[in-house]
N, C-alpha and C. Protein backbone atom coordinates (compact mmCIF):
# COMPACT_ATOMS: atom_id res chain seq x y z
N MET A 1 19.31 -10.83 37.46
CA MET A 1 19.93 -9.75 36.72
C MET A 1 19.13 -9.37 35.47
N LYS A 2 18.65 -10.42 34.75
CA LYS A 2 17.85 -10.15 33.57
C LYS A 2 16.58 -9.40 33.92
N PHE A 3 15.97 -9.77 35.06
CA PHE A 3 14.74 -9.11 35.48
C PHE A 3 14.98 -7.63 35.76
N THR A 4 16.09 -7.30 36.46
CA THR A 4 16.44 -5.92 36.79
C THR A 4 16.67 -5.13 35.50
N TYR A 5 17.38 -5.73 34.56
CA TYR A 5 17.67 -5.05 33.30
C TYR A 5 16.36 -4.78 32.54
N ALA A 6 15.47 -5.75 32.50
CA ALA A 6 14.20 -5.59 31.80
C ALA A 6 13.36 -4.48 32.46
N VAL A 7 13.33 -4.44 33.76
CA VAL A 7 12.58 -3.39 34.46
C VAL A 7 13.17 -2.02 34.14
N LEU A 8 14.49 -1.91 34.14
CA LEU A 8 15.14 -0.63 33.81
C LEU A 8 14.82 -0.18 32.39
N VAL A 9 14.81 -1.10 31.47
CA VAL A 9 14.49 -0.78 30.08
C VAL A 9 13.05 -0.28 29.98
N ILE A 10 12.13 -0.95 30.64
CA ILE A 10 10.73 -0.53 30.62
C ILE A 10 10.56 0.84 31.23
N ILE A 11 11.21 1.11 32.34
CA ILE A 11 11.13 2.42 32.98
C ILE A 11 11.68 3.50 32.06
N CYS A 12 12.84 3.24 31.45
CA CYS A 12 13.45 4.24 30.55
C CYS A 12 12.54 4.51 29.35
N LEU A 13 11.97 3.45 28.78
CA LEU A 13 11.10 3.65 27.62
C LEU A 13 9.85 4.44 27.99
N SER A 14 9.28 4.17 29.15
CA SER A 14 8.09 4.92 29.54
C SER A 14 8.42 6.38 29.81
N VAL A 15 9.58 6.65 30.40
CA VAL A 15 9.99 8.04 30.61
C VAL A 15 10.22 8.75 29.29
N LEU A 16 10.90 8.09 28.37
CA LEU A 16 11.16 8.70 27.07
C LEU A 16 9.87 8.93 26.29
N SER A 17 8.94 7.97 26.35
CA SER A 17 7.69 8.16 25.59
C SER A 17 6.86 9.28 26.17
N SER A 18 6.94 9.50 27.48
CA SER A 18 6.18 10.62 28.05
C SER A 18 6.81 11.96 27.71
N CYS A 19 8.08 11.99 27.43
CA CYS A 19 8.75 13.23 27.05
C CYS A 19 8.36 13.67 25.65
N ASP A 20 7.99 12.72 24.79
CA ASP A 20 7.66 13.05 23.41
C ASP A 20 6.28 13.69 23.30
N LYS A 21 5.46 13.55 24.30
CA LYS A 21 4.10 14.09 24.22
C LYS A 21 4.13 15.60 24.42
N THR A 22 3.62 16.30 23.43
CA THR A 22 3.55 17.76 23.54
C THR A 22 2.09 18.16 23.58
N THR A 23 1.79 19.13 24.37
CA THR A 23 0.44 19.63 24.45
C THR A 23 0.21 20.59 23.30
N PRO A 24 -0.83 20.33 22.47
CA PRO A 24 -1.07 21.24 21.36
C PRO A 24 -1.49 22.61 21.89
N TYR A 25 -1.10 23.64 21.13
CA TYR A 25 -1.43 25.01 21.51
C TYR A 25 -2.92 25.22 21.30
N THR A 26 -3.59 25.76 22.30
CA THR A 26 -5.00 26.06 22.20
C THR A 26 -5.23 27.51 22.64
N ILE A 27 -6.37 28.02 22.29
CA ILE A 27 -6.73 29.40 22.66
C ILE A 27 -8.02 29.39 23.47
N ASP A 28 -8.26 30.46 24.19
CA ASP A 28 -9.50 30.64 24.92
C ASP A 28 -10.25 31.79 24.27
N ALA A 29 -11.27 31.45 23.52
CA ALA A 29 -12.07 32.46 22.80
C ALA A 29 -13.42 32.67 23.49
N SER A 30 -13.48 32.38 24.78
CA SER A 30 -14.76 32.42 25.49
C SER A 30 -15.28 33.83 25.76
N ALA A 31 -14.39 34.82 25.82
CA ALA A 31 -14.83 36.19 26.08
C ALA A 31 -14.94 36.96 24.75
N ILE A 32 -16.03 37.67 24.58
CA ILE A 32 -16.23 38.46 23.36
C ILE A 32 -16.58 39.89 23.75
N THR A 33 -16.47 40.76 22.76
CA THR A 33 -16.98 42.12 22.89
C THR A 33 -18.31 42.15 22.15
N SER A 34 -19.39 42.27 22.90
CA SER A 34 -20.75 42.18 22.34
C SER A 34 -21.14 43.46 21.61
N ARG A 35 -21.63 43.31 20.38
CA ARG A 35 -22.09 44.44 19.56
C ARG A 35 -23.37 44.04 18.84
N ASP A 36 -24.27 45.02 18.67
CA ASP A 36 -25.48 44.75 17.91
C ASP A 36 -25.20 44.87 16.41
N ALA A 37 -26.24 44.75 15.59
CA ALA A 37 -26.10 44.77 14.14
C ALA A 37 -25.61 46.11 13.59
N LEU A 38 -25.71 47.19 14.40
CA LEU A 38 -25.22 48.51 13.98
C LEU A 38 -23.84 48.84 14.54
N GLY A 39 -23.29 47.92 15.34
CA GLY A 39 -21.97 48.15 15.93
C GLY A 39 -22.00 48.78 17.30
N ASN A 40 -23.19 48.96 17.87
CA ASN A 40 -23.31 49.55 19.21
C ASN A 40 -22.97 48.52 20.28
N SER A 41 -22.31 48.95 21.32
CA SER A 41 -21.98 48.06 22.44
C SER A 41 -23.26 47.61 23.13
N ILE A 42 -23.35 46.30 23.40
CA ILE A 42 -24.56 45.77 24.06
C ILE A 42 -24.21 44.91 25.27
N GLY A 43 -23.07 45.12 25.83
CA GLY A 43 -22.77 44.32 27.03
C GLY A 43 -21.29 44.12 27.25
N SER A 44 -20.90 42.86 27.22
CA SER A 44 -19.55 42.49 27.62
C SER A 44 -18.48 43.09 26.70
N VAL A 45 -17.31 43.35 27.30
CA VAL A 45 -16.16 43.85 26.55
C VAL A 45 -14.95 43.02 26.92
N ASP A 46 -14.24 42.51 25.92
CA ASP A 46 -12.99 41.80 26.16
C ASP A 46 -11.87 42.75 25.75
N ASN A 47 -11.15 43.28 26.71
CA ASN A 47 -10.12 44.27 26.45
C ASN A 47 -8.90 43.72 25.73
N THR A 48 -8.82 42.40 25.57
CA THR A 48 -7.68 41.82 24.82
C THR A 48 -8.01 41.70 23.33
N ASP A 49 -9.27 41.94 22.97
CA ASP A 49 -9.69 41.81 21.57
C ASP A 49 -9.67 43.15 20.85
N TRP A 50 -9.43 43.07 19.53
CA TRP A 50 -9.54 44.20 18.61
C TRP A 50 -8.53 45.32 18.92
N THR A 51 -7.37 44.92 19.42
CA THR A 51 -6.27 45.83 19.63
C THR A 51 -5.05 45.24 18.92
N GLU A 52 -3.97 45.97 18.92
CA GLU A 52 -2.75 45.46 18.31
C GLU A 52 -2.08 44.45 19.23
N ASP A 53 -1.75 43.30 18.67
CA ASP A 53 -0.96 42.30 19.39
C ASP A 53 0.51 42.56 19.09
N ILE A 54 1.28 42.79 20.12
CA ILE A 54 2.70 43.06 19.90
C ILE A 54 3.44 41.85 19.35
N SER A 55 3.11 40.67 19.84
CA SER A 55 3.78 39.47 19.33
C SER A 55 2.80 38.32 19.23
N TRP A 56 3.08 37.42 18.29
CA TRP A 56 2.34 36.18 18.13
C TRP A 56 3.34 35.05 18.28
N ASN A 57 2.87 33.89 18.73
CA ASN A 57 3.76 32.74 18.77
C ASN A 57 3.85 32.15 17.35
N GLU A 58 4.71 31.17 17.20
CA GLU A 58 4.96 30.60 15.85
C GLU A 58 3.71 29.94 15.28
N THR A 59 2.88 29.34 16.12
CA THR A 59 1.63 28.71 15.66
C THR A 59 0.70 29.77 15.05
N GLU A 60 0.59 30.90 15.72
CA GLU A 60 -0.27 31.97 15.21
C GLU A 60 0.30 32.57 13.91
N LYS A 61 1.59 32.80 13.87
CA LYS A 61 2.22 33.33 12.65
C LYS A 61 2.03 32.39 11.46
N ALA A 62 2.08 31.09 11.75
CA ALA A 62 1.98 30.09 10.68
C ALA A 62 0.64 30.11 9.97
N LEU A 63 -0.37 30.68 10.59
CA LEU A 63 -1.69 30.79 9.94
C LEU A 63 -1.61 31.60 8.64
N PHE A 64 -0.60 32.46 8.52
CA PHE A 64 -0.48 33.36 7.39
C PHE A 64 0.65 33.00 6.43
N LEU A 65 1.37 31.91 6.69
CA LEU A 65 2.53 31.57 5.86
C LEU A 65 2.16 30.95 4.53
N THR A 66 0.95 30.45 4.39
CA THR A 66 0.57 29.74 3.16
C THR A 66 -0.13 30.65 2.15
N ASP A 67 -0.08 31.93 2.40
CA ASP A 67 -0.80 32.86 1.53
C ASP A 67 0.19 33.77 0.78
N PRO A 68 0.76 33.29 -0.32
CA PRO A 68 1.64 34.18 -1.09
C PRO A 68 0.81 35.23 -1.83
N ILE A 69 1.02 36.47 -1.50
CA ILE A 69 0.24 37.53 -2.13
C ILE A 69 1.16 38.57 -2.74
N ASP A 70 0.68 39.20 -3.78
CA ASP A 70 1.38 40.31 -4.39
C ASP A 70 0.85 41.59 -3.76
N MET A 71 1.68 42.21 -2.92
CA MET A 71 1.25 43.40 -2.21
C MET A 71 1.65 44.69 -2.91
N THR A 72 1.86 44.63 -4.23
CA THR A 72 2.25 45.80 -4.98
C THR A 72 1.28 46.93 -4.73
N GLY A 73 1.77 48.09 -4.44
CA GLY A 73 0.94 49.26 -4.22
C GLY A 73 0.49 49.45 -2.78
N ALA A 74 0.71 48.45 -1.94
CA ALA A 74 0.34 48.57 -0.52
C ALA A 74 1.43 49.30 0.23
N GLU A 75 1.03 50.05 1.25
CA GLU A 75 1.98 50.80 2.07
C GLU A 75 1.68 50.60 3.55
N VAL A 76 2.67 50.85 4.37
CA VAL A 76 2.46 50.83 5.82
C VAL A 76 1.66 52.06 6.19
N GLY A 77 0.60 51.88 6.95
CA GLY A 77 -0.24 53.00 7.36
C GLY A 77 -0.65 52.87 8.80
N ASN A 78 -1.24 53.91 9.30
CA ASN A 78 -1.83 53.85 10.65
C ASN A 78 -3.13 53.05 10.56
N VAL A 79 -3.38 52.24 11.59
CA VAL A 79 -4.51 51.32 11.57
C VAL A 79 -5.33 51.53 12.84
N SER A 80 -6.64 51.49 12.69
CA SER A 80 -7.58 51.49 13.81
C SER A 80 -8.64 50.45 13.52
N VAL A 81 -8.80 49.47 14.42
CA VAL A 81 -9.76 48.38 14.21
C VAL A 81 -10.88 48.49 15.23
N GLU A 82 -12.11 48.30 14.76
CA GLU A 82 -13.29 48.28 15.63
C GLU A 82 -13.69 46.82 15.88
N PRO A 83 -14.36 46.56 17.00
CA PRO A 83 -14.87 45.20 17.23
C PRO A 83 -15.86 44.81 16.13
N VAL A 84 -15.88 43.53 15.77
CA VAL A 84 -16.81 43.05 14.75
C VAL A 84 -18.24 43.22 15.25
N TYR A 85 -19.14 43.33 14.28
CA TYR A 85 -20.56 43.41 14.62
C TYR A 85 -21.40 42.73 13.54
N PRO A 86 -22.52 42.13 13.87
CA PRO A 86 -22.92 41.85 15.24
C PRO A 86 -22.05 40.76 15.86
N ASN A 87 -22.01 40.76 17.17
CA ASN A 87 -21.28 39.74 17.92
C ASN A 87 -21.98 39.58 19.25
N PRO A 88 -22.68 38.49 19.46
CA PRO A 88 -22.72 37.27 18.66
C PRO A 88 -23.44 37.47 17.31
N CYS A 89 -23.17 36.52 16.41
CA CYS A 89 -23.74 36.60 15.06
C CYS A 89 -24.31 35.25 14.68
N ILE A 90 -24.94 35.21 13.50
CA ILE A 90 -25.49 33.94 13.02
C ILE A 90 -24.67 33.41 11.86
N SER A 91 -24.61 34.14 10.75
CA SER A 91 -23.89 33.62 9.58
C SER A 91 -22.95 34.64 8.94
N THR A 92 -22.95 35.84 9.44
CA THR A 92 -22.02 36.85 8.93
C THR A 92 -21.74 37.88 10.01
N THR A 93 -20.57 38.43 9.96
CA THR A 93 -20.19 39.52 10.85
C THR A 93 -19.38 40.54 10.03
N THR A 94 -19.22 41.72 10.55
CA THR A 94 -18.54 42.78 9.82
C THR A 94 -17.33 43.26 10.60
N LEU A 95 -16.19 43.31 9.93
CA LEU A 95 -14.98 43.89 10.49
C LEU A 95 -14.82 45.27 9.88
N GLN A 96 -14.78 46.26 10.74
CA GLN A 96 -14.64 47.65 10.30
C GLN A 96 -13.30 48.18 10.80
N PHE A 97 -12.59 48.86 9.92
CA PHE A 97 -11.27 49.41 10.30
C PHE A 97 -10.97 50.63 9.45
N THR A 98 -10.07 51.45 9.93
CA THR A 98 -9.63 52.65 9.22
C THR A 98 -8.13 52.54 9.03
N VAL A 99 -7.67 52.85 7.83
CA VAL A 99 -6.23 52.87 7.52
C VAL A 99 -5.88 54.17 6.84
N SER A 100 -4.68 54.65 7.10
CA SER A 100 -4.26 55.94 6.54
C SER A 100 -3.65 55.82 5.14
N LYS A 101 -3.38 54.59 4.72
CA LYS A 101 -2.80 54.33 3.39
C LYS A 101 -3.48 53.11 2.80
N ILE A 102 -3.36 52.93 1.50
CA ILE A 102 -3.80 51.69 0.88
C ILE A 102 -2.84 50.60 1.38
N THR A 103 -3.38 49.56 1.94
CA THR A 103 -2.55 48.50 2.49
C THR A 103 -3.23 47.16 2.23
N TRP A 104 -2.70 46.11 2.76
CA TRP A 104 -3.23 44.77 2.55
C TRP A 104 -3.65 44.20 3.89
N ILE A 105 -4.77 43.50 3.92
CA ILE A 105 -5.21 42.81 5.14
C ILE A 105 -5.42 41.34 4.83
N ARG A 106 -5.02 40.51 5.79
CA ARG A 106 -5.28 39.08 5.73
C ARG A 106 -6.02 38.70 7.01
N ILE A 107 -7.00 37.83 6.86
CA ILE A 107 -7.84 37.42 7.99
C ILE A 107 -7.88 35.89 8.02
N ALA A 108 -7.58 35.33 9.19
CA ALA A 108 -7.70 33.88 9.40
C ALA A 108 -8.65 33.68 10.57
N ILE A 109 -9.64 32.81 10.39
CA ILE A 109 -10.57 32.48 11.47
C ILE A 109 -10.34 31.03 11.86
N VAL A 110 -10.17 30.83 13.18
CA VAL A 110 -9.79 29.51 13.68
C VAL A 110 -10.70 29.07 14.82
N ASP A 111 -10.65 27.77 15.10
CA ASP A 111 -11.32 27.24 16.29
C ASP A 111 -10.35 27.25 17.48
N GLU A 112 -10.75 26.69 18.60
CA GLU A 112 -9.92 26.74 19.79
C GLU A 112 -8.60 25.98 19.68
N LYS A 113 -8.52 25.07 18.70
CA LYS A 113 -7.27 24.32 18.48
C LYS A 113 -6.44 24.92 17.35
N LEU A 114 -6.81 26.11 16.93
CA LEU A 114 -6.15 26.85 15.85
C LEU A 114 -6.24 26.15 14.49
N ASN A 115 -7.30 25.38 14.28
CA ASN A 115 -7.58 24.85 12.95
C ASN A 115 -8.15 25.99 12.13
N LYS A 116 -7.51 26.29 10.99
CA LYS A 116 -7.96 27.38 10.14
C LYS A 116 -9.24 26.98 9.42
N LEU A 117 -10.32 27.69 9.68
CA LEU A 117 -11.62 27.39 9.09
C LEU A 117 -11.95 28.29 7.92
N ALA A 118 -11.37 29.48 7.89
CA ALA A 118 -11.61 30.44 6.80
C ALA A 118 -10.43 31.36 6.69
N PHE A 119 -10.19 31.83 5.46
CA PHE A 119 -9.07 32.74 5.22
C PHE A 119 -9.48 33.73 4.12
N PHE A 120 -9.18 35.00 4.36
CA PHE A 120 -9.50 36.04 3.39
C PHE A 120 -8.30 36.98 3.28
N SER A 121 -8.08 37.52 2.11
CA SER A 121 -7.03 38.54 1.94
C SER A 121 -7.45 39.49 0.83
N PHE A 122 -7.19 40.77 1.07
CA PHE A 122 -7.57 41.76 0.06
C PHE A 122 -6.85 43.08 0.32
N LYS A 123 -6.77 43.87 -0.73
CA LYS A 123 -6.20 45.22 -0.62
C LYS A 123 -7.28 46.14 -0.08
N THR A 124 -6.89 47.00 0.85
CA THR A 124 -7.85 47.92 1.46
C THR A 124 -7.87 49.22 0.69
N GLU A 125 -8.82 50.04 1.01
CA GLU A 125 -8.86 51.42 0.53
C GLU A 125 -8.35 52.32 1.66
N MET A 126 -7.87 53.48 1.32
CA MET A 126 -7.49 54.44 2.35
C MET A 126 -8.76 54.96 2.99
N GLY A 127 -8.77 55.06 4.32
CA GLY A 127 -9.95 55.54 5.05
C GLY A 127 -10.72 54.40 5.69
N LEU A 128 -12.00 54.58 5.81
CA LEU A 128 -12.87 53.62 6.48
C LEU A 128 -13.17 52.44 5.56
N ASN A 129 -13.03 51.23 6.08
CA ASN A 129 -13.31 50.00 5.35
C ASN A 129 -14.24 49.15 6.22
N ALA A 130 -15.16 48.45 5.60
CA ALA A 130 -16.02 47.50 6.30
C ALA A 130 -16.06 46.24 5.45
N TYR A 131 -15.68 45.13 6.05
CA TYR A 131 -15.64 43.86 5.33
C TYR A 131 -16.62 42.89 5.97
N HIS A 132 -17.60 42.44 5.19
CA HIS A 132 -18.59 41.48 5.67
C HIS A 132 -18.00 40.09 5.54
N ILE A 133 -17.90 39.39 6.66
CA ILE A 133 -17.25 38.09 6.71
C ILE A 133 -18.31 37.00 6.78
N PRO A 134 -18.41 36.19 5.71
CA PRO A 134 -19.37 35.08 5.75
C PRO A 134 -18.83 33.95 6.64
N LEU A 135 -19.71 33.38 7.44
CA LEU A 135 -19.35 32.27 8.33
C LEU A 135 -20.18 31.06 7.92
N ASP A 136 -19.58 30.23 7.10
CA ASP A 136 -20.24 29.05 6.56
C ASP A 136 -20.74 28.14 7.69
N PRO A 137 -22.07 27.89 7.76
CA PRO A 137 -22.60 27.07 8.87
C PRO A 137 -22.08 25.63 8.87
N LEU A 138 -21.53 25.17 7.76
CA LEU A 138 -20.93 23.84 7.76
C LEU A 138 -19.60 23.81 8.51
N LYS A 139 -18.93 24.96 8.57
CA LYS A 139 -17.66 25.06 9.30
C LYS A 139 -17.82 25.70 10.68
N PHE A 140 -18.72 26.68 10.77
CA PHE A 140 -18.89 27.44 12.01
C PHE A 140 -20.18 26.99 12.69
N LYS A 141 -20.04 26.14 13.66
CA LYS A 141 -21.19 25.57 14.36
C LYS A 141 -21.79 26.55 15.34
N ALA A 142 -23.10 26.53 15.44
CA ALA A 142 -23.81 27.40 16.38
C ALA A 142 -23.40 27.10 17.81
N ASN A 143 -23.48 28.13 18.63
CA ASN A 143 -23.14 28.05 20.06
C ASN A 143 -21.66 27.73 20.31
N ASN A 144 -20.82 28.23 19.41
CA ASN A 144 -19.36 28.12 19.57
C ASN A 144 -18.73 29.48 19.34
N ASN A 145 -17.56 29.66 19.91
CA ASN A 145 -16.79 30.88 19.70
C ASN A 145 -15.57 30.55 18.85
N TYR A 146 -15.15 31.54 18.08
CA TYR A 146 -14.01 31.39 17.18
C TYR A 146 -13.13 32.62 17.31
N ARG A 147 -11.88 32.47 16.89
CA ARG A 147 -10.96 33.61 16.93
C ARG A 147 -10.69 34.09 15.51
N LEU A 148 -10.75 35.41 15.33
CA LEU A 148 -10.45 36.04 14.05
C LEU A 148 -9.11 36.75 14.22
N TYR A 149 -8.09 36.28 13.50
CA TYR A 149 -6.78 36.93 13.47
C TYR A 149 -6.73 37.83 12.25
N TYR A 150 -6.15 39.02 12.40
CA TYR A 150 -5.98 39.91 11.26
C TYR A 150 -4.55 40.42 11.22
N SER A 151 -4.08 40.60 10.00
CA SER A 151 -2.71 41.09 9.79
C SER A 151 -2.73 42.10 8.67
N PHE A 152 -2.22 43.31 8.95
CA PHE A 152 -2.07 44.33 7.92
C PHE A 152 -0.65 44.24 7.42
N ASP A 153 -0.50 44.28 6.07
CA ASP A 153 0.79 43.99 5.44
C ASP A 153 1.10 44.97 4.33
N ALA A 154 2.39 45.15 4.11
CA ALA A 154 2.90 45.94 2.99
C ALA A 154 4.20 45.31 2.55
N PRO A 155 4.66 45.58 1.31
CA PRO A 155 5.92 44.99 0.86
C PRO A 155 7.05 45.27 1.83
N GLY A 156 7.74 44.22 2.24
CA GLY A 156 8.84 44.37 3.19
C GLY A 156 8.41 44.58 4.63
N ASN A 157 7.13 44.64 4.88
CA ASN A 157 6.59 44.88 6.23
C ASN A 157 5.39 43.97 6.52
N ALA A 158 5.59 42.67 6.32
CA ALA A 158 4.51 41.73 6.62
C ALA A 158 4.16 41.82 8.11
N MET A 159 2.87 41.78 8.39
CA MET A 159 2.37 41.79 9.75
C MET A 159 2.80 43.04 10.53
N TYR A 160 2.81 44.20 9.86
CA TYR A 160 3.23 45.41 10.57
C TYR A 160 2.22 45.82 11.64
N TYR A 161 0.97 45.39 11.48
CA TYR A 161 -0.05 45.60 12.50
C TYR A 161 -0.88 44.33 12.53
N LYS A 162 -0.95 43.70 13.69
CA LYS A 162 -1.66 42.43 13.78
C LYS A 162 -2.44 42.38 15.09
N GLY A 163 -3.50 41.60 15.07
CA GLY A 163 -4.30 41.47 16.27
C GLY A 163 -5.31 40.34 16.13
N HIS A 164 -6.21 40.28 17.09
CA HIS A 164 -7.23 39.24 17.06
C HIS A 164 -8.47 39.72 17.81
N GLY A 165 -9.55 39.02 17.60
CA GLY A 165 -10.77 39.21 18.34
C GLY A 165 -11.59 37.93 18.29
N ASP A 166 -12.44 37.75 19.26
CA ASP A 166 -13.24 36.54 19.34
C ASP A 166 -14.66 36.80 18.87
N VAL A 167 -15.24 35.83 18.17
CA VAL A 167 -16.55 35.94 17.56
C VAL A 167 -17.40 34.77 18.05
N ALA A 168 -18.59 35.06 18.50
CA ALA A 168 -19.54 34.02 18.92
C ALA A 168 -20.55 33.79 17.82
N VAL A 169 -20.77 32.52 17.47
CA VAL A 169 -21.78 32.15 16.49
C VAL A 169 -22.94 31.52 17.24
N ARG A 170 -24.13 32.02 17.02
CA ARG A 170 -25.33 31.51 17.74
C ARG A 170 -26.32 30.89 16.81
């Protein structure tokens, strides 16, 4: 009887311990939209990149929760985002976008396990904007791809336009 009880306890514990294991959320940043240093298309296009994402999961939203910003003067505007260039890049890439109002943008760059490697936030100008994004070689290893999340924000309208794109570092 003791043997049967011990076996049942071991089985129950192993079942319970396997239930506690959760698979961490990961992303696939293997596909990029290739652009040269002037922003011209030079090959592959990833149609899921550089468009508006209707929804993000809680892990993706959490990338922006630690950035308390004063968005005074920012407004909700129409947004158009271009693919970053160059892509692939070496140590810097450029995000170009157009907004119809002065608004706020936040950028988080992550690896495939969603570890935040860089974060930027700034108020935009109305019209065409180009932001040169430095990619520190100590954080961004060559021959890897990374995901750049962007969120346009205004008071009372955080993340009113959000999206992502993948960047290759060579």
